[in-house]
Amino acid sequence: MRFEVGQELPVYEVIAKNYGADHANRIHSDEGAARYGFAGALVPGVAIYAYLIRPVVDALGPDLLECGDVTVKFVNPVYDGEEVRVSARILVAEPASLSLELVNSSGAVCAIGSASLRRGPFPIDPSRYPTQPLPASDHLRAATVSSFRDGDIFGALEFTLDLQSEMAEFLNNVLETSPIYRGPEAVCHPALFVAWANESFMRNIALGPWIHLKSLVRHCAIPRDGERLSLRGKVIEAYDRRGHEILNAVLAVFGEADRPIADISHSAIIKLREPSR
């Protein structure tokens, strides 16, 4: 597809779905979210990421998963049942680079981002991401910045990618209807990469209510159905901002024989500021 600078892609509209109501992260419950001043349960960031990336994948196709970069920052909450609109505008025609924005029915900006294709590979050095076993569930690190130092290694997630059976529930959760994620030629949904990064946080940290802030995903190769994958990472920064305790990590997804799949920079509030009484 040929693009022109300033070109607007077709708007994507969807009614947001909170599929995390029963999740251990109670920020996705009405009661848990209300405790921290929100009007209701927050729609998961993974779903918002999926909505935001839809017009990009429609335009760029699987090329995005082979040599594309995606950045997303969550600005305001999205609530269950809200109608949201995603707009995408071409910033550079070749290789394609786009700005992304998701707004709710009131016109409030809820998420912003960008997506672009690279001319060459993004180098991922497996030696920068050593493998370490996941901690036992009763030996997770406390969700506070004092528990971490820069460079601390996360336990690795090891799993087999299943695009035929396990993918169906995920696609339903994020309201995805594109045919490229279904059938014998299905490709991995880009939002799964941030879902895996969230899972890494949850399997390494004893989290209470927490909030995904932003992500940068650099795609390097399309993972194969049935391929054994490894997600490894480490802490790059932990700090307090206005009472919120924030953790930034870098993670990488490797396929078999340490085949580089993606590099992920991931940021979250791992401990929310206690509400005033």
Protein backbone atom coordinates (compact mmCIF):
# COMPACT_ATOMS: atom_id res chain seq x y z
CA MET A 1 0.00 0.00 0.00
CA ARG A 2 1.30 3.47 -0.89
CA PHE A 3 0.92 6.26 1.63
CA GLU A 4 1.06 10.06 1.59
CA VAL A 5 2.26 12.28 4.45
CA GLY A 6 -0.77 13.55 6.36
CA GLN A 7 -3.01 10.76 5.12
CA GLU A 8 -5.63 9.63 7.65
CA LEU A 9 -6.34 5.91 7.85
CA PRO A 10 -9.94 4.73 8.32
CA VAL A 11 -11.11 5.33 11.88
CA TYR A 12 -11.55 2.22 14.00
CA GLU A 13 -14.46 2.28 16.46
CA VAL A 14 -15.19 -0.25 19.17
CA ILE A 15 -17.18 -0.56 22.42
CA ALA A 16 -14.50 -1.18 25.06
CA LYS A 17 -14.73 -4.41 27.01
CA ASN A 18 -13.37 -5.00 30.51
CA TYR A 19 -12.45 -8.66 30.27
CA GLY A 20 -10.41 -8.42 33.49
CA ALA A 21 -13.27 -8.11 36.01
CA ASP A 22 -12.26 -11.40 37.66
CA HIS A 23 -8.52 -10.79 37.34
CA ALA A 24 -6.25 -10.81 40.38
CA ASN A 25 -5.45 -7.16 39.61
CA ARG A 26 -8.41 -5.52 41.32
CA ILE A 27 -7.92 -2.27 39.43
CA HIS A 28 -10.13 -4.04 36.88
CA SER A 29 -12.96 -4.34 39.42
CA ASP A 30 -15.37 -1.52 40.25
CA GLU A 31 -14.58 -1.70 43.97
CA GLY A 32 -10.81 -1.83 43.54
CA ALA A 33 -10.72 1.01 41.03
CA ALA A 34 -13.08 3.19 43.11
CA ARG A 35 -10.66 2.93 46.05
CA TYR A 36 -8.13 4.86 43.97
CA GLY A 37 -10.55 7.46 42.69
CA PHE A 38 -11.60 5.97 39.37
CA ALA A 39 -15.20 6.06 38.16
CA GLY A 40 -15.23 2.33 37.56
CA ALA A 41 -13.16 -0.69 36.65
CA LEU A 42 -10.35 0.04 34.20
CA VAL A 43 -10.33 -1.74 30.83
CA PRO A 44 -7.00 -3.61 30.60
CA GLY A 45 -4.15 -1.86 28.85
CA VAL A 46 -3.70 -4.93 26.65
CA ALA A 47 -7.18 -4.38 25.20
CA ILE A 48 -6.51 -0.68 24.60
CA TYR A 49 -3.24 -1.61 22.90
CA ALA A 50 -5.14 -4.03 20.66
CA TYR A 51 -7.69 -1.35 19.72
CA LEU A 52 -4.96 1.18 19.00
CA ILE A 53 -2.97 -1.16 16.78
CA ARG A 54 -5.91 -2.39 14.68
CA PRO A 55 -5.78 0.26 11.90
CA VAL A 56 -1.99 -0.13 11.73
CA VAL A 57 -2.18 -3.87 11.13
CA ASP A 58 -4.97 -3.33 8.59
CA ALA A 59 -2.63 -0.99 6.69
CA LEU A 60 0.76 -2.65 7.15
CA GLY A 61 -0.18 -6.30 7.61
CA PRO A 62 2.27 -8.87 9.02
CA ASP A 63 5.23 -6.65 8.03
CA LEU A 64 4.70 -4.93 11.36
CA LEU A 65 5.55 -8.18 13.17
CA GLU A 66 8.75 -8.65 11.19
CA CYS A 67 10.29 -5.19 11.20
CA GLY A 68 8.00 -2.80 13.07
CA ASP A 69 8.14 -0.66 16.21
CA VAL A 70 5.09 0.27 18.28
CA THR A 71 4.93 2.71 21.19
CA VAL A 72 1.85 3.17 23.35
CA LYS A 73 1.26 5.42 26.36
CA PHE A 74 -1.94 5.25 28.40
CA VAL A 75 -3.14 8.75 29.28
CA ASN A 76 -6.63 8.41 30.76
CA PRO A 77 -8.72 5.42 31.85
CA VAL A 78 -11.08 3.61 29.53
CA TYR A 79 -14.19 2.15 31.15
CA ASP A 80 -16.28 -0.87 30.23
CA GLY A 81 -18.93 -0.09 27.63
CA GLU A 82 -17.36 3.17 26.47
CA GLU A 83 -17.27 3.81 22.74
CA VAL A 84 -13.72 4.59 21.69
CA ARG A 85 -12.30 5.78 18.37
CA VAL A 86 -8.82 5.17 17.05
CA SER A 87 -7.30 7.51 14.49
CA ALA A 88 -4.02 6.95 12.67
CA ARG A 89 -2.17 9.49 10.52
CA ILE A 90 0.81 8.98 8.22
CA LEU A 91 3.87 10.93 9.38
CA VAL A 92 6.39 9.42 6.96
CA ALA A 93 5.43 7.62 3.76
CA GLU A 94 8.43 5.32 3.26
CA PRO A 95 9.12 3.41 5.34
CA ALA A 96 5.71 4.00 6.85
CA SER A 97 5.47 5.83 10.18
CA LEU A 98 2.15 6.69 11.84
CA SER A 99 0.82 8.57 14.84
CA LEU A 100 -1.96 6.92 16.85
CA GLU A 101 -4.63 8.31 19.15
CA LEU A 102 -7.54 6.73 21.01
CA VAL A 103 -10.33 8.96 22.32
CA ASN A 104 -13.54 8.20 24.16
CA SER A 105 -17.04 9.43 23.27
CA SER A 106 -16.44 12.62 25.27
CA GLY A 107 -13.41 13.42 23.16
CA ALA A 108 -10.89 12.78 25.94
CA VAL A 109 -7.59 11.33 24.77
CA CYS A 110 -7.11 7.98 26.52
CA ALA A 111 -4.03 6.61 24.73
CA ILE A 112 -1.45 7.85 22.27
CA GLY A 113 1.24 6.06 20.32
CA SER A 114 3.16 5.55 17.14
CA ALA A 115 3.97 2.73 14.78
CA SER A 116 6.64 2.48 12.12
CA LEU A 117 8.44 0.07 9.84
CA ARG A 118 12.24 -0.19 9.99
CA ARG A 119 14.58 -0.54 7.02
CA GLY A 120 16.70 -3.11 8.83
CA PRO A 121 16.73 -5.49 11.79
CA PHE A 122 16.78 -4.38 15.39
CA PRO A 123 19.70 -6.16 17.10
CA ILE A 124 18.81 -8.23 20.17
CA ASP A 125 21.74 -9.81 21.99
CA PRO A 126 20.61 -12.90 23.97
CA SER A 127 23.55 -12.45 26.35
CA ARG A 128 21.89 -9.26 27.63
CA TYR A 129 18.92 -11.35 28.75
CA PRO A 130 20.16 -14.21 30.91
CA THR A 131 17.82 -17.03 31.80
CA GLN A 132 16.80 -17.34 35.42
CA PRO A 133 14.06 -19.56 36.90
CA LEU A 134 10.79 -17.99 37.95
CA PRO A 135 10.51 -17.51 41.71
CA ALA A 136 8.09 -19.65 43.68
CA SER A 137 4.70 -17.99 44.16
CA ASP A 138 5.44 -17.45 47.85
CA HIS A 139 8.84 -15.87 47.13
CA LEU A 140 7.87 -13.04 44.81
CA ARG A 141 9.50 -9.65 45.33
CA ALA A 142 7.44 -7.08 47.20
CA ALA A 143 5.71 -4.50 44.99
CA THR A 144 7.83 -1.56 46.11
CA VAL A 145 10.79 0.18 44.52
CA SER A 146 12.97 -0.62 47.53
CA SER A 147 12.79 -4.29 46.47
CA PHE A 148 14.65 -3.62 43.22
CA ARG A 149 17.98 -2.43 41.94
CA ASP A 150 18.83 -1.52 38.37
CA GLY A 151 19.85 -4.66 36.52
CA ASP A 152 17.91 -7.14 38.67
CA ILE A 153 17.00 -10.17 36.55
CA PHE A 154 13.42 -11.39 36.16
CA GLY A 155 12.62 -15.08 36.16
CA ALA A 156 11.95 -16.21 32.59
CA LEU A 157 8.59 -17.26 31.18
CA GLU A 158 8.87 -20.39 29.04
CA PHE A 159 5.84 -21.41 26.99
CA THR A 160 4.68 -22.87 23.70
CA LEU A 161 2.80 -20.56 21.35
CA ASP A 162 -0.65 -21.92 20.51
CA LEU A 163 -2.37 -19.91 17.80
CA GLN A 164 -5.16 -22.39 17.11
CA SER A 165 -6.93 -23.00 20.41
CA GLU A 166 -5.63 -20.61 23.09
CA MET A 167 -5.75 -17.61 20.76
CA ALA A 168 -9.53 -17.73 20.40
CA GLU A 169 -10.22 -16.53 23.94
CA PHE A 170 -7.67 -13.73 23.64
CA LEU A 171 -9.19 -12.50 20.36
CA ASN A 172 -12.63 -12.52 21.95
CA ASN A 173 -11.34 -10.57 24.95
CA VAL A 174 -9.84 -7.79 22.83
CA LEU A 175 -12.76 -7.81 20.35
CA GLU A 176 -10.48 -8.64 17.45
CA THR A 177 -12.18 -9.60 14.19
CA SER A 178 -9.33 -9.42 11.67
CA PRO A 179 -8.99 -12.72 9.76
CA ILE A 180 -5.17 -12.65 9.83
CA TYR A 181 -5.25 -14.04 13.39
CA ARG A 182 -7.41 -17.04 12.50
CA GLY A 183 -7.05 -20.22 10.52
CA PRO A 184 -4.02 -22.28 9.52
CA GLU A 185 -2.07 -19.18 8.39
CA ALA A 186 -2.79 -17.20 11.57
CA VAL A 187 -0.15 -14.80 12.89
CA CYS A 188 0.46 -13.79 16.50
CA HIS A 189 -1.53 -10.76 17.65
CA PRO A 190 0.79 -7.81 18.51
CA ALA A 191 -1.08 -7.17 21.78
CA LEU A 192 0.03 -10.59 23.03
CA PHE A 193 3.54 -9.22 23.45
CA VAL A 194 2.42 -6.68 26.05
CA ALA A 195 0.20 -9.34 27.65
CA TRP A 196 3.31 -11.51 28.04
CA ALA A 197 5.23 -8.57 29.52
CA ASN A 198 2.43 -8.06 32.05
CA GLU A 199 2.55 -11.77 32.88
CA SER A 200 6.29 -11.46 33.52
CA PHE A 201 5.63 -8.67 36.04
CA MET A 202 2.92 -10.73 37.74
CA ARG A 203 5.07 -13.85 37.94
CA ASN A 204 8.00 -11.97 39.48
CA ILE A 205 6.33 -9.37 41.73
CA ALA A 206 3.72 -9.75 44.48
CA LEU A 207 1.43 -7.15 42.95
CA GLY A 208 -1.70 -5.68 44.43
CA PRO A 209 -3.71 -3.25 42.28
CA TRP A 210 -1.36 -1.97 39.59
CA ILE A 211 -1.47 -0.03 36.32
CA HIS A 212 0.33 -0.52 33.01
CA LEU A 213 1.68 2.88 31.92
CA LYS A 214 3.42 2.47 28.56
CA SER A 215 5.25 0.06 26.28
CA LEU A 216 7.61 0.07 23.33
CA VAL A 217 7.69 -3.13 21.29
CA ARG A 218 10.30 -3.68 18.60
CA HIS A 219 9.22 -6.63 16.47
CA CYS A 220 11.96 -8.65 14.79
CA ALA A 221 10.35 -11.88 13.58
CA ILE A 222 6.95 -13.58 13.51
CA PRO A 223 6.77 -16.34 16.13
CA ARG A 224 5.63 -19.67 14.70
CA ASP A 225 2.60 -21.59 15.88
CA GLY A 226 3.84 -24.35 18.19
CA GLU A 227 7.21 -22.67 18.71
CA ARG A 228 8.74 -22.78 22.17
CA LEU A 229 9.21 -19.19 23.36
CA SER A 230 11.20 -17.63 26.18
CA LEU A 231 10.48 -14.20 27.67
CA ARG A 232 13.41 -12.85 29.68
CA GLY A 233 13.97 -9.46 31.23
CA LYS A 234 15.53 -7.21 33.80
CA VAL A 235 14.86 -4.02 35.74
CA ILE A 236 16.29 -0.81 34.33
CA GLU A 237 14.76 1.69 36.74
CA ALA A 238 12.58 1.83 39.86
CA TYR A 239 11.44 5.15 41.28
CA ASP A 240 8.74 7.07 43.13
CA ARG A 241 6.67 9.69 41.32
CA ARG A 242 4.19 11.64 43.42
CA GLY A 243 3.65 8.66 45.68
CA HIS A 244 3.27 6.10 42.88
CA GLU A 245 6.02 3.45 42.82
CA ILE A 246 7.04 2.78 39.20
CA LEU A 247 9.11 0.03 37.64
CA ASN A 248 10.64 0.12 34.17
CA ALA A 249 11.94 -3.10 32.66
CA VAL A 250 13.37 -4.33 29.38
CA LEU A 251 12.35 -7.76 28.16
CA ALA A 252 12.97 -9.84 25.06
CA VAL A 253 11.11 -12.69 23.44
CA PHE A 254 13.22 -15.46 21.94
CA GLY A 255 12.16 -18.42 19.87
CA GLU A 256 13.90 -21.73 19.51
CA ALA A 257 17.73 -21.58 19.47
CA ASP A 258 17.43 -18.03 20.88
CA ARG A 259 15.88 -16.72 17.66
CA PRO A 260 15.13 -13.01 18.38
CA ILE A 261 11.41 -12.29 18.19
CA ALA A 262 10.86 -8.95 19.94
CA ASP A 263 12.34 -6.44 22.36
CA ILE A 264 9.95 -4.82 24.87
CA SER A 265 10.38 -1.78 27.11
CA HIS A 266 7.61 -1.96 29.71
CA SER A 267 6.57 0.46 32.45
CA ALA A 268 3.99 0.10 35.24
CA ILE A 269 2.92 1.55 38.55
CA ILE A 270 3.58 -1.49 40.72
CA LYS A 271 2.23 0.22 43.87
CA LEU A 272 -0.38 2.95 43.69
CA ARG A 273 -0.31 5.97 45.96
CA GLU A 274 -2.51 5.30 48.97
CA PRO A 275 -5.75 7.28 48.70
CA SER A 276 -6.27 10.13 51.15
CA ARG A 277 -8.66 9.40 53.96
